[in-house]
């Protein structure tokens, strides 16, 4: 056995170059149908709307150097809960599918309710009410979601 550097291994032909694995998943069929298939197309579309609403609201409300705002952090929490991969997984596998759809819809509705409240100037009150129901991810800082350039 000969010990060498990475450069030496490349020069000796032992390294073929970059490896670019195909997209894949551990889900059924080893593709993305569990999370993006026909059975969950409505959840995917709703998720896109939630993501857009979250990012548009954060961008409209925050500028560089702004202080942390708990109502925007709660908006991000609600969005994460709406976008959880467990909901489409449960639907695709018909494992409490009704429950999964109801939870995803509830969280998406909470995103919309809070985003409207934030835009109207009474986000903190609504956020506190929602946080007492669903308040995980206490470290989540919505300022980190602000897009830097145009949408």
C-alpha atoms as a PDB file:
ATOM      1  CA  UNK A   1       0.000   0.000   0.000  1.00  0.00           C
ATOM      2  CA  UNK A   2       1.328   3.401  -0.921  1.00  0.00           C
ATOM      3  CA  UNK A   3       0.233   6.495   1.029  1.00  0.00           C
ATOM      4  CA  UNK A   4      -0.212   9.590  -1.103  1.00  0.00           C
ATOM      5  CA  UNK A   5      -1.959  12.916  -1.240  1.00  0.00           C
ATOM      6  CA  UNK A   6      -5.211  13.614  -3.024  1.00  0.00           C
ATOM      7  CA  UNK A   7      -3.222  15.258  -5.825  1.00  0.00           C
ATOM      8  CA  UNK A   8      -1.051  12.132  -6.058  1.00  0.00           C
ATOM      9  CA  UNK A   9      -4.144   9.920  -6.235  1.00  0.00           C
ATOM     10  CA  UNK A  10      -5.619  12.061  -9.019  1.00  0.00           C
ATOM     11  CA  UNK A  11      -2.344  12.059 -10.958  1.00  0.00           C
ATOM     12  CA  UNK A  12      -2.111   8.279 -10.579  1.00  0.00           C
ATOM     13  CA  UNK A  13      -5.619   7.908 -12.032  1.00  0.00           C
ATOM     14  CA  UNK A  14      -7.215   6.630  -8.814  1.00  0.00           C
ATOM     15  CA  UNK A  15      -9.773   9.430  -8.682  1.00  0.00           C
ATOM     16  CA  UNK A  16     -12.194   9.639 -11.583  1.00  0.00           C
ATOM     17  CA  UNK A  17     -13.531  13.127 -10.883  1.00  0.00           C
ATOM     18  CA  UNK A  18     -16.636  14.590  -9.329  1.00  0.00           C
ATOM     19  CA  UNK A  19     -19.533  12.279  -8.663  1.00  0.00           C
ATOM     20  CA  UNK A  20     -22.999  13.688  -9.260  1.00  0.00           C
ATOM     21  CA  UNK A  21     -25.543  11.227  -7.916  1.00  0.00           C
ATOM     22  CA  UNK A  22     -29.021  11.259  -9.385  1.00  0.00           C
ATOM     23  CA  UNK A  23     -31.817  12.731  -7.332  1.00  0.00           C
ATOM     24  CA  UNK A  24     -33.406  10.129  -5.140  1.00  0.00           C
ATOM     25  CA  UNK A  25     -35.176   9.421  -1.923  1.00  0.00           C
ATOM     26  CA  UNK A  26     -35.784   6.595   0.461  1.00  0.00           C
ATOM     27  CA  UNK A  27     -39.505   6.854  -0.357  1.00  0.00           C
ATOM     28  CA  UNK A  28     -41.557   4.471  -2.465  1.00  0.00           C
ATOM     29  CA  UNK A  29     -40.044   3.933  -5.882  1.00  0.00           C
ATOM     30  CA  UNK A  30     -36.893   5.762  -4.767  1.00  0.00           C
ATOM     31  CA  UNK A  31     -38.257   8.901  -6.416  1.00  0.00           C
ATOM     32  CA  UNK A  32     -40.285  11.856  -5.147  1.00  0.00           C
ATOM     33  CA  UNK A  33     -43.826  10.576  -5.754  1.00  0.00           C
ATOM     34  CA  UNK A  34     -44.459  10.252  -2.002  1.00  0.00           C
ATOM     35  CA  UNK A  35     -43.961  14.008  -1.586  1.00  0.00           C
ATOM     36  CA  UNK A  36     -44.868  15.295  -5.068  1.00  0.00           C
ATOM     37  CA  UNK A  37     -47.061  12.654  -6.687  1.00  0.00           C
ATOM     38  CA  UNK A  38     -50.602  12.967  -7.980  1.00  0.00           C
ATOM     39  CA  UNK A  39     -52.057  11.859  -4.635  1.00  0.00           C
ATOM     40  CA  UNK A  40     -50.589  14.910  -2.903  1.00  0.00           C
ATOM     41  CA  UNK A  41     -50.627  17.502  -5.697  1.00  0.00           C
ATOM     42  CA  UNK A  42     -53.061  19.627  -3.710  1.00  0.00           C
ATOM     43  CA  UNK A  43     -50.732  19.604  -0.693  1.00  0.00           C
ATOM     44  CA  UNK A  44     -47.790  20.562  -2.896  1.00  0.00           C
ATOM     45  CA  UNK A  45     -49.731  23.485  -4.389  1.00  0.00           C
ATOM     46  CA  UNK A  46     -50.876  24.614  -0.950  1.00  0.00           C
ATOM     47  CA  UNK A  47     -47.299  24.343   0.273  1.00  0.00           C
ATOM     48  CA  UNK A  48     -46.054  26.587  -2.505  1.00  0.00           C
ATOM     49  CA  UNK A  49     -48.680  29.170  -1.527  1.00  0.00           C
ATOM     50  CA  UNK A  50     -47.622  28.941   2.138  1.00  0.00           C
ATOM     51  CA  UNK A  51     -43.971  29.380   1.220  1.00  0.00           C
ATOM     52  CA  UNK A  52     -44.734  32.384  -0.976  1.00  0.00           C
ATOM     53  CA  UNK A  53     -46.929  33.992   1.689  1.00  0.00           C
ATOM     54  CA  UNK A  54     -44.251  33.515   4.344  1.00  0.00           C
ATOM     55  CA  UNK A  55     -41.411  34.921   2.254  1.00  0.00           C
ATOM     56  CA  UNK A  56     -43.468  37.794   0.857  1.00  0.00           C
ATOM     57  CA  UNK A  57     -44.565  38.795   4.356  1.00  0.00           C
ATOM     58  CA  UNK A  58     -41.057  38.575   5.803  1.00  0.00           C
ATOM     59  CA  UNK A  59     -39.681  40.624   2.902  1.00  0.00           C
ATOM     60  CA  UNK A  60     -42.407  43.270   3.284  1.00  0.00           C
ATOM     61  CA  UNK A  61     -41.963  43.561   7.041  1.00  0.00           C
ATOM     62  CA  UNK A  62     -38.215  43.309   7.551  1.00  0.00           C
ATOM     63  CA  UNK A  63     -35.293  45.313   6.348  1.00  0.00           C
ATOM     64  CA  UNK A  64     -31.575  44.898   6.928  1.00  0.00           C
ATOM     65  CA  UNK A  65     -30.714  45.333  10.582  1.00  0.00           C
ATOM     66  CA  UNK A  66     -34.294  45.055  11.861  1.00  0.00           C
ATOM     67  CA  UNK A  67     -34.809  43.569  15.284  1.00  0.00           C
ATOM     68  CA  UNK A  68     -36.323  40.144  15.759  1.00  0.00           C
ATOM     69  CA  UNK A  69     -40.136  40.116  15.683  1.00  0.00           C
ATOM     70  CA  UNK A  70     -41.888  37.277  17.509  1.00  0.00           C
ATOM     71  CA  UNK A  71     -44.928  37.444  15.231  1.00  0.00           C
ATOM     72  CA  UNK A  72     -42.744  36.769  12.179  1.00  0.00           C
ATOM     73  CA  UNK A  73     -40.964  33.957  14.005  1.00  0.00           C
ATOM     74  CA  UNK A  74     -44.407  32.448  14.703  1.00  0.00           C
ATOM     75  CA  UNK A  75     -45.349  32.862  11.046  1.00  0.00           C
ATOM     76  CA  UNK A  76     -42.251  30.859  10.126  1.00  0.00           C
ATOM     77  CA  UNK A  77     -43.169  28.177  12.698  1.00  0.00           C
ATOM     78  CA  UNK A  78     -46.664  27.855  11.298  1.00  0.00           C
ATOM     79  CA  UNK A  79     -45.249  27.609   7.782  1.00  0.00           C
ATOM     80  CA  UNK A  80     -42.816  24.867   8.813  1.00  0.00           C
ATOM     81  CA  UNK A  81     -45.672  22.940  10.379  1.00  0.00           C
ATOM     82  CA  UNK A  82     -47.772  23.345   7.222  1.00  0.00           C
ATOM     83  CA  UNK A  83     -44.879  22.222   5.029  1.00  0.00           C
ATOM     84  CA  UNK A  84     -43.888  19.193   7.093  1.00  0.00           C
ATOM     85  CA  UNK A  85     -43.023  16.214   4.926  1.00  0.00           C
ATOM     86  CA  UNK A  86     -45.021  13.925   7.178  1.00  0.00           C
ATOM     87  CA  UNK A  87     -48.337  15.201   5.793  1.00  0.00           C
ATOM     88  CA  UNK A  88     -47.808  14.077   2.185  1.00  0.00           C
ATOM     89  CA  UNK A  89     -46.063  10.930   3.407  1.00  0.00           C
ATOM     90  CA  UNK A  90     -49.117  10.038   5.470  1.00  0.00           C
ATOM     91  CA  UNK A  91     -51.460  10.772   2.557  1.00  0.00           C
ATOM     92  CA  UNK A  92     -49.365   8.837   0.033  1.00  0.00           C
ATOM     93  CA  UNK A  93     -49.277   5.836   2.351  1.00  0.00           C
ATOM     94  CA  UNK A  94     -52.934   6.198   3.354  1.00  0.00           C
ATOM     95  CA  UNK A  95     -51.830   6.362   6.977  1.00  0.00           C
ATOM     96  CA  UNK A  96     -54.243   8.734   8.733  1.00  0.00           C
ATOM     97  CA  UNK A  97     -54.548  10.624   5.446  1.00  0.00           C
ATOM     98  CA  UNK A  98     -57.600  12.595   6.542  1.00  0.00           C
ATOM     99  CA  UNK A  99     -55.830  13.733   9.692  1.00  0.00           C
ATOM    100  CA  UNK A 100     -52.747  14.730   7.682  1.00  0.00           C
ATOM    101  CA  UNK A 101     -54.782  16.780   5.230  1.00  0.00           C
ATOM    102  CA  UNK A 102     -56.661  18.487   8.059  1.00  0.00           C
ATOM    103  CA  UNK A 103     -53.461  19.368   9.917  1.00  0.00           C
ATOM    104  CA  UNK A 104     -51.730  20.702   6.807  1.00  0.00           C
ATOM    105  CA  UNK A 105     -54.806  22.799   5.964  1.00  0.00           C
ATOM    106  CA  UNK A 106     -55.058  24.094   9.536  1.00  0.00           C
ATOM    107  CA  UNK A 107     -51.435  25.202   9.579  1.00  0.00           C
ATOM    108  CA  UNK A 108     -51.770  26.804   6.132  1.00  0.00           C
ATOM    109  CA  UNK A 109     -54.839  28.717   7.360  1.00  0.00           C
ATOM    110  CA  UNK A 110     -52.877  29.872  10.408  1.00  0.00           C
ATOM    111  CA  UNK A 111     -50.129  31.183   8.128  1.00  0.00           C
ATOM    112  CA  UNK A 112     -52.693  33.187   6.173  1.00  0.00           C
ATOM    113  CA  UNK A 113     -54.427  34.478   9.323  1.00  0.00           C
ATOM    114  CA  UNK A 114     -51.188  35.599  10.901  1.00  0.00           C
ATOM    115  CA  UNK A 115     -49.796  37.101   7.680  1.00  0.00           C
ATOM    116  CA  UNK A 116     -52.955  39.214   7.350  1.00  0.00           C
ATOM    117  CA  UNK A 117     -52.729  40.244  11.002  1.00  0.00           C
ATOM    118  CA  UNK A 118     -49.075  41.243  10.573  1.00  0.00           C
ATOM    119  CA  UNK A 119     -49.936  43.331   7.510  1.00  0.00           C
ATOM    120  CA  UNK A 120     -52.779  44.997   9.433  1.00  0.00           C
ATOM    121  CA  UNK A 121     -50.531  45.819  12.383  1.00  0.00           C
ATOM    122  CA  UNK A 122     -51.956  43.446  14.980  1.00  0.00           C
ATOM    123  CA  UNK A 123     -49.661  40.481  14.415  1.00  0.00           C
ATOM    124  CA  UNK A 124     -48.303  40.230  17.986  1.00  0.00           C
ATOM    125  CA  UNK A 125     -51.732  39.474  19.496  1.00  0.00           C
ATOM    126  CA  UNK A 126     -52.596  36.833  16.896  1.00  0.00           C
ATOM    127  CA  UNK A 127     -49.097  35.343  17.053  1.00  0.00           C
ATOM    128  CA  UNK A 128     -49.292  34.903  20.829  1.00  0.00           C
ATOM    129  CA  UNK A 129     -52.578  33.040  20.490  1.00  0.00           C
ATOM    130  CA  UNK A 130     -51.140  30.761  17.806  1.00  0.00           C
ATOM    131  CA  UNK A 131     -47.900  30.234  19.725  1.00  0.00           C
ATOM    132  CA  UNK A 132     -49.764  28.834  22.708  1.00  0.00           C
ATOM    133  CA  UNK A 133     -51.271  26.205  20.389  1.00  0.00           C
ATOM    134  CA  UNK A 134     -48.193  25.496  18.251  1.00  0.00           C
ATOM    135  CA  UNK A 135     -44.951  26.986  19.495  1.00  0.00           C
ATOM    136  CA  UNK A 136     -42.095  24.622  18.623  1.00  0.00           C
ATOM    137  CA  UNK A 137     -38.790  25.797  17.192  1.00  0.00           C
ATOM    138  CA  UNK A 138     -38.295  28.579  19.732  1.00  0.00           C
ATOM    139  CA  UNK A 139     -34.920  29.403  18.226  1.00  0.00           C
ATOM    140  CA  UNK A 140     -36.401  30.114  14.790  1.00  0.00           C
ATOM    141  CA  UNK A 141     -35.529  33.625  13.599  1.00  0.00           C
ATOM    142  CA  UNK A 142     -37.581  34.830  10.623  1.00  0.00           C
ATOM    143  CA  UNK A 143     -34.949  37.450   9.798  1.00  0.00           C
ATOM    144  CA  UNK A 144     -32.867  34.632   8.330  1.00  0.00           C
ATOM    145  CA  UNK A 145     -35.584  34.007   5.729  1.00  0.00           C
ATOM    146  CA  UNK A 146     -35.441  37.480   4.228  1.00  0.00           C
ATOM    147  CA  UNK A 147     -34.570  37.273   0.560  1.00  0.00           C
ATOM    148  CA  UNK A 148     -31.683  39.484  -0.424  1.00  0.00           C
ATOM    149  CA  UNK A 149     -32.691  40.309  -3.976  1.00  0.00           C
ATOM    150  CA  UNK A 150     -35.919  40.787  -5.916  1.00  0.00           C
ATOM    151  CA  UNK A 151     -38.500  38.043  -5.623  1.00  0.00           C
END
